[in-house]
Structure formats: structure tokens, C-alpha cells
All heavy atoms as atom14 arrays in JSON, in Angstrom:
{
  "sequence": "EINVFVTHIESDEVEYIIPNQRVFKRGIV",
  "atom14_mask": [
    [1, 1, 1, 1, 1, 1, 1, 1, 1, 0, 0, 0, 0, 0],
    [1, 1, 1, 1, 1, 1, 1, 1, 0, 0, 0, 0, 0, 0],
    [1, 1, 1, 1, 1, 1, 1, 1, 0, 0, 0, 0, 0, 0],
    [1, 1, 1, 1, 1, 1, 1, 0, 0, 0, 0, 0, 0, 0],
    [1, 1, 1, 1, 1, 1, 1, 1, 1, 1, 1, 0, 0, 0],
    [1, 1, 1, 1, 1, 1, 1, 0, 0, 0, 0, 0, 0, 0],
    [1, 1, 1, 1, 1, 1, 1, 0, 0, 0, 0, 0, 0, 0],
    [1, 1, 1, 1, 1, 1, 1, 1, 1, 1, 0, 0, 0, 0],
    [1, 1, 1, 1, 1, 1, 1, 1, 0, 0, 0, 0, 0, 0],
    [1, 1, 1, 1, 1, 1, 1, 1, 1, 0, 0, 0, 0, 0],
    [1, 1, 1, 1, 1, 1, 0, 0, 0, 0, 0, 0, 0, 0],
    [1, 1, 1, 1, 1, 1, 1, 1, 0, 0, 0, 0, 0, 0],
    [1, 1, 1, 1, 1, 1, 1, 1, 1, 0, 0, 0, 0, 0],
    [1, 1, 1, 1, 1, 1, 1, 0, 0, 0, 0, 0, 0, 0],
    [1, 1, 1, 1, 1, 1, 1, 1, 1, 0, 0, 0, 0, 0],
    [1, 1, 1, 1, 1, 1, 1, 1, 1, 1, 1, 1, 0, 0],
    [1, 1, 1, 1, 1, 1, 1, 1, 0, 0, 0, 0, 0, 0],
    [1, 1, 1, 1, 1, 1, 1, 1, 0, 0, 0, 0, 0, 0],
    [1, 1, 1, 1, 1, 1, 1, 0, 0, 0, 0, 0, 0, 0],
    [1, 1, 1, 1, 1, 1, 1, 1, 0, 0, 0, 0, 0, 0],
    [1, 1, 1, 1, 1, 1, 1, 1, 1, 0, 0, 0, 0, 0],
    [1, 1, 1, 1, 1, 1, 1, 1, 1, 1, 1, 0, 0, 0],
    [1, 1, 1, 1, 1, 1, 1, 0, 0, 0, 0, 0, 0, 0],
    [1, 1, 1, 1, 1, 1, 1, 1, 1, 1, 1, 0, 0, 0],
    [1, 1, 1, 1, 1, 1, 1, 1, 1, 0, 0, 0, 0, 0],
    [1, 1, 1, 1, 1, 1, 1, 1, 1, 1, 1, 0, 0, 0],
    [1, 1, 1, 1, 0, 0, 0, 0, 0, 0, 0, 0, 0, 0],
    [1, 1, 1, 1, 1, 1, 1, 1, 0, 0, 0, 0, 0, 0],
    [1, 1, 1, 1, 1, 1, 1, 0, 0, 0, 0, 0, 0, 0]
  ],
  "atom14_positions": [
    [[-105.71, -73.14, -29.74], [-105.14, -74.5, -29.72], [-104.08, -74.61, -30.82], [-104.24, -74.04, -31.91], [-106.23, -75.56, -29.94], [-105.73, -76.99, -29.91], [-106.82, -77.99, -30.22], [-108.01, -77.6, -30.23], [-106.49, -79.18, -30.44], [0.0, 0.0, 0.0], [0.0, 0.0, 0.0], [0.0, 0.0, 0.0], [0.0, 0.0, 0.0], [0.0, 0.0, 0.0]],
    [[-103.02, -75.37, -30.51], [-101.97, -75.64, -31.5], [-101.7, -77.14, -31.46], [-101.43, -77.71, -30.39], [-100.65, -74.9, -31.17], [-100.9, -73.41, -30.95], [-99.62, -75.11, -32.27], [-99.71, -72.68, -30.36], [0.0, 0.0, 0.0], [0.0, 0.0, 0.0], [0.0, 0.0, 0.0], [0.0, 0.0, 0.0], [0.0, 0.0, 0.0], [0.0, 0.0, 0.0]],
    [[-101.83, -77.79, -32.62], [-101.44, -79.21, -32.69], [-100.5, -79.41, -33.87], [-100.06, -78.45, -34.5], [-102.66, -80.14, -32.75], [-103.53, -79.86, -33.96], [-103.05, -79.66, -35.07], [-104.85, -79.85, -33.76], [0.0, 0.0, 0.0], [0.0, 0.0, 0.0], [0.0, 0.0, 0.0], [0.0, 0.0, 0.0], [0.0, 0.0, 0.0], [0.0, 0.0, 0.0]],
    [[-100.21, -80.63, -34.18], [-99.21, -80.92, -35.21], [-99.64, -80.39, -36.57], [-98.81, -79.96, -37.37], [-98.92, -82.43, -35.27], [-97.98, -82.76, -36.42], [-98.32, -82.91, -33.95], [0.0, 0.0, 0.0], [0.0, 0.0, 0.0], [0.0, 0.0, 0.0], [0.0, 0.0, 0.0], [0.0, 0.0, 0.0], [0.0, 0.0, 0.0], [0.0, 0.0, 0.0]],
    [[-100.95, -80.4, -36.84], [-101.41, -80.11, -38.19], [-102.01, -78.71, -38.36], [-101.86, -78.09, -39.4], [-102.44, -81.15, -38.64], [-101.89, -82.55, -38.69], [-102.22, -83.47, -37.7], [-101.04, -82.95, -39.7], [-101.72, -84.75, -37.73], [-100.53, -84.23, -39.75], [-100.87, -85.14, -38.75], [0.0, 0.0, 0.0], [0.0, 0.0, 0.0], [0.0, 0.0, 0.0]],
    [[-102.72, -78.23, -37.35], [-103.44, -76.96, -37.52], [-103.29, -76.1, -36.27], [-102.92, -76.58, -35.2], [-104.95, -77.21, -37.78], [-105.17, -77.92, -39.09], [-105.58, -77.98, -36.62], [0.0, 0.0, 0.0], [0.0, 0.0, 0.0], [0.0, 0.0, 0.0], [0.0, 0.0, 0.0], [0.0, 0.0, 0.0], [0.0, 0.0, 0.0], [0.0, 0.0, 0.0]],
    [[-103.61, -74.82, -36.48], [-103.67, -73.85, -35.37], [-105.07, -73.27, -35.33], [-105.61, -72.86, -36.37], [-102.63, -72.73, -35.58], [-101.32, -73.26, -35.51], [-102.79, -71.65, -34.52], [0.0, 0.0, 0.0], [0.0, 0.0, 0.0], [0.0, 0.0, 0.0], [0.0, 0.0, 0.0], [0.0, 0.0, 0.0], [0.0, 0.0, 0.0], [0.0, 0.0, 0.0]],
    [[-105.66, -73.24, -34.14], [-107.0, -72.69, -33.96], [-106.88, -71.29, -33.37], [-106.26, -71.1, -32.33], [-107.82, -73.56, -32.99], [-108.02, -74.96, -33.47], [-109.24, -75.44, -33.91], [-107.16, -76.01, -33.56], [-109.12, -76.72, -34.25], [-107.86, -77.08, -34.04], [0.0, 0.0, 0.0], [0.0, 0.0, 0.0], [0.0, 0.0, 0.0], [0.0, 0.0, 0.0]],
    [[-107.48, -70.32, -34.04], [-107.54, -68.97, -33.49], [-109.0, -68.5, -33.51], [-109.78, -68.93, -34.38], [-106.64, -67.96, -34.24], [-107.1, -67.8, -35.7], [-105.18, -68.4, -34.2], [-106.32, -66.74, -36.46], [0.0, 0.0, 0.0], [0.0, 0.0, 0.0], [0.0, 0.0, 0.0], [0.0, 0.0, 0.0], [0.0, 0.0, 0.0], [0.0, 0.0, 0.0]],
    [[-109.35, -67.64, -32.58], [-110.74, -67.2, -32.44], [-110.79, -65.69, -32.42], [-109.96, -65.03, -31.78], [-111.33, -67.77, -31.15], [-112.82, -67.47, -30.97], [-113.39, -68.14, -29.72], [-113.0, -69.29, -29.43], [-114.21, -67.49, -29.03], [0.0, 0.0, 0.0], [0.0, 0.0, 0.0], [0.0, 0.0, 0.0], [0.0, 0.0, 0.0], [0.0, 0.0, 0.0]],
    [[-111.79, -65.17, -33.14], [-111.98, -63.71, -33.19], [-113.47, -63.42, -33.32], [-114.13, -63.91, -34.26], [-111.23, -63.11, -34.39], [-111.48, -61.73, -34.51], [0.0, 0.0, 0.0], [0.0, 0.0, 0.0], [0.0, 0.0, 0.0], [0.0, 0.0, 0.0], [0.0, 0.0, 0.0], [0.0, 0.0, 0.0], [0.0, 0.0, 0.0], [0.0, 0.0, 0.0]],
    [[-114.0, -62.64, -32.37], [-115.42, -62.26, -32.38], [-116.33, -63.49, -32.5], [-117.22, -63.56, -33.37], [-115.71, -61.28, -33.53], [-114.96, -59.97, -33.36], [-114.73, -59.57, -32.2], [-114.59, -59.37, -34.38], [0.0, 0.0, 0.0], [0.0, 0.0, 0.0], [0.0, 0.0, 0.0], [0.0, 0.0, 0.0], [0.0, 0.0, 0.0], [0.0, 0.0, 0.0]],
    [[-116.05, -64.48, -31.66], [-116.83, -65.72, -31.59], [-116.8, -66.51, -32.9], [-117.66, -67.36, -33.15], [-118.28, -65.42, -31.21], [-118.43, -64.78, -29.83], [-119.87, -64.57, -29.44], [-120.76, -64.8, -30.3], [-120.12, -64.17, -28.3], [0.0, 0.0, 0.0], [0.0, 0.0, 0.0], [0.0, 0.0, 0.0], [0.0, 0.0, 0.0], [0.0, 0.0, 0.0]],
    [[-115.81, -66.25, -33.73], [-115.6, -67.02, -34.96], [-114.26, -67.73, -34.83], [-113.24, -67.1, -34.54], [-115.61, -66.11, -36.21], [-115.31, -66.94, -37.46], [-116.95, -65.4, -36.34], [0.0, 0.0, 0.0], [0.0, 0.0, 0.0], [0.0, 0.0, 0.0], [0.0, 0.0, 0.0], [0.0, 0.0, 0.0], [0.0, 0.0, 0.0], [0.0, 0.0, 0.0]],
    [[-114.27, -69.05, -35.04], [-113.04, -69.84, -34.92], [-112.46, -70.11, -36.31], [-113.16, -70.57, -37.21], [-113.31, -71.17, -34.2], [-112.04, -71.99, -33.98], [-112.32, -73.29, -33.25], [-113.5, -73.7, -33.18], [-111.36, -73.92, -32.77], [0.0, 0.0, 0.0], [0.0, 0.0, 0.0], [0.0, 0.0, 0.0], [0.0, 0.0, 0.0], [0.0, 0.0, 0.0]],
    [[-111.17, -69.83, -36.45], [-110.47, -70.11, -37.7], [-109.5, -71.28, -37.47], [-108.77, -71.29, -36.47], [-109.68, -68.88, -38.16], [-110.54, -67.66, -38.44], [-110.75, -66.7, -37.46], [-111.13, -67.48, -39.69], [-111.53, -65.59, -37.7], [-111.91, -66.36, -39.95], [-112.12, -65.42, -38.95], [-112.91, -64.32, -39.2], [0.0, 0.0, 0.0], [0.0, 0.0, 0.0]],
    [[-109.53, -72.21, -38.39], [-108.64, -73.37, -38.31], [-107.66, -73.26, -39.48], [-108.04, -73.41, -40.65], [-109.43, -74.68, -38.37], [-110.44, -74.74, -37.22], [-108.49, -75.88, -38.31], [-111.4, -75.88, -37.3], [0.0, 0.0, 0.0], [0.0, 0.0, 0.0], [0.0, 0.0, 0.0], [0.0, 0.0, 0.0], [0.0, 0.0, 0.0], [0.0, 0.0, 0.0]],
    [[-106.41, -72.97, -39.16], [-105.41, -72.66, -40.19], [-104.37, -73.78, -40.25], [-103.75, -74.1, -39.23], [-104.72, -71.32, -39.86], [-105.77, -70.21, -39.74], [-103.68, -70.98, -40.92], [-105.2, -68.89, -39.29], [0.0, 0.0, 0.0], [0.0, 0.0, 0.0], [0.0, 0.0, 0.0], [0.0, 0.0, 0.0], [0.0, 0.0, 0.0], [0.0, 0.0, 0.0]],
    [[-104.19, -74.41, -41.42], [-103.14, -75.43, -41.55], [-101.77, -74.84, -41.23], [-101.46, -73.7, -41.58], [-103.25, -75.85, -43.02], [-104.64, -75.49, -43.42], [-104.98, -74.25, -42.65], [0.0, 0.0, 0.0], [0.0, 0.0, 0.0], [0.0, 0.0, 0.0], [0.0, 0.0, 0.0], [0.0, 0.0, 0.0], [0.0, 0.0, 0.0], [0.0, 0.0, 0.0]],
    [[-100.95, -75.61, -40.57], [-99.66, -75.1, -40.11], [-98.7, -74.75, -41.24], [-97.8, -73.93, -41.06], [-99.0, -76.12, -39.17], [-99.65, -76.11, -37.81], [-100.21, -75.12, -37.38], [-99.62, -77.24, -37.13], [0.0, 0.0, 0.0], [0.0, 0.0, 0.0], [0.0, 0.0, 0.0], [0.0, 0.0, 0.0], [0.0, 0.0, 0.0], [0.0, 0.0, 0.0]],
    [[-98.87, -75.36, -42.44], [-97.98, -74.99, -43.52], [-98.24, -73.55, -43.98], [-97.34, -72.87, -44.48], [-98.07, -75.97, -44.7], [-99.34, -75.87, -45.55], [-100.37, -76.86, -45.08], [-100.45, -77.15, -43.9], [-101.16, -77.39, -46.0], [0.0, 0.0, 0.0], [0.0, 0.0, 0.0], [0.0, 0.0, 0.0], [0.0, 0.0, 0.0], [0.0, 0.0, 0.0]],
    [[-99.48, -73.06, -43.79], [-99.76, -71.65, -44.1], [-99.07, -70.74, -43.1], [-98.56, -69.68, -43.45], [-101.27, -71.4, -44.1], [-101.99, -71.92, -45.33], [-103.47, -71.66, -45.24], [-103.77, -70.25, -45.04], [-104.99, -69.8, -44.72], [-106.0, -70.65, -44.56], [-105.18, -68.5, -44.57], [0.0, 0.0, 0.0], [0.0, 0.0, 0.0], [0.0, 0.0, 0.0]],
    [[-99.06, -71.18, -41.84], [-98.36, -70.39, -40.82], [-96.87, -70.33, -41.14], [-96.23, -69.28, -41.07], [-98.57, -71.03, -39.43], [-97.84, -70.22, -38.35], [-100.06, -71.12, -39.11], [0.0, 0.0, 0.0], [0.0, 0.0, 0.0], [0.0, 0.0, 0.0], [0.0, 0.0, 0.0], [0.0, 0.0, 0.0], [0.0, 0.0, 0.0], [0.0, 0.0, 0.0]],
    [[-96.32, -71.48, -41.51], [-94.88, -71.56, -41.79], [-94.54, -70.79, -43.07], [-93.49, -70.15, -43.16], [-94.49, -73.03, -41.93], [-93.01, -73.26, -41.99], [-92.24, -73.23, -40.84], [-92.37, -73.49, -43.2], [-90.88, -73.44, -40.88], [-91.02, -73.69, -43.26], [-90.26, -73.67, -42.1], [0.0, 0.0, 0.0], [0.0, 0.0, 0.0], [0.0, 0.0, 0.0]],
    [[-95.43, -70.83, -44.06], [-95.14, -70.2, -45.35], [-95.4, -68.69, -45.32], [-94.6, -67.9, -45.84], [-96.0, -70.86, -46.44], [-95.72, -70.35, -47.84], [-96.56, -71.12, -48.86], [-96.27, -70.63, -50.27], [-97.07, -71.37, -51.28], [0.0, 0.0, 0.0], [0.0, 0.0, 0.0], [0.0, 0.0, 0.0], [0.0, 0.0, 0.0], [0.0, 0.0, 0.0]],
    [[-96.51, -68.29, -44.72], [-96.9, -66.87, -44.74], [-96.3, -66.09, -43.57], [-96.22, -64.86, -43.63], [-98.43, -66.76, -44.67], [-99.16, -67.48, -45.77], [-98.95, -66.81, -47.11], [-99.74, -67.46, -48.15], [-99.75, -67.09, -49.42], [-98.98, -66.07, -49.8], [-100.47, -67.73, -50.3], [0.0, 0.0, 0.0], [0.0, 0.0, 0.0], [0.0, 0.0, 0.0]],
    [[-95.93, -66.8, -42.52], [-95.42, -66.12, -41.35], [-96.54, -65.67, -40.43], [-97.73, -65.77, -40.76], [0.0, 0.0, 0.0], [0.0, 0.0, 0.0], [0.0, 0.0, 0.0], [0.0, 0.0, 0.0], [0.0, 0.0, 0.0], [0.0, 0.0, 0.0], [0.0, 0.0, 0.0], [0.0, 0.0, 0.0], [0.0, 0.0, 0.0], [0.0, 0.0, 0.0]],
    [[-96.19, -65.16, -39.26], [-97.17, -64.72, -38.29], [-96.81, -63.33, -37.79], [-95.65, -62.91, -37.84], [-97.26, -65.69, -37.08], [-95.9, -65.76, -36.37], [-97.71, -67.07, -37.5], [-95.95, -66.51, -35.08], [0.0, 0.0, 0.0], [0.0, 0.0, 0.0], [0.0, 0.0, 0.0], [0.0, 0.0, 0.0], [0.0, 0.0, 0.0], [0.0, 0.0, 0.0]],
    [[-97.85, -62.66, -37.31], [-97.64, -61.36, -36.65], [-98.19, -61.53, -35.24], [-99.4, -61.75, -35.05], [-98.38, -60.23, -37.39], [-98.22, -58.92, -36.63], [-97.86, -60.09, -38.81], [0.0, 0.0, 0.0], [0.0, 0.0, 0.0], [0.0, 0.0, 0.0], [0.0, 0.0, 0.0], [0.0, 0.0, 0.0], [0.0, 0.0, 0.0], [0.0, 0.0, 0.0]]
  ]
}
């Protein structure tokens, strides 16, 4: 899921909720 504030990613049945400023600052692969 992607919304205005956070991005939800899931790995091995574990969900991570990452603030979008971290995505913007750290970048994505």
C-alpha cells in the first residue's frame, strides 16, 4: 500500500510501515 504519509511493504509475513520522508531521503531499490 502507498498513501500520502507512509508506504507498506511486506516480507515473510512481516509488514513494515515506512514514512515517506525516509523513502524520499534514503531512496529506493
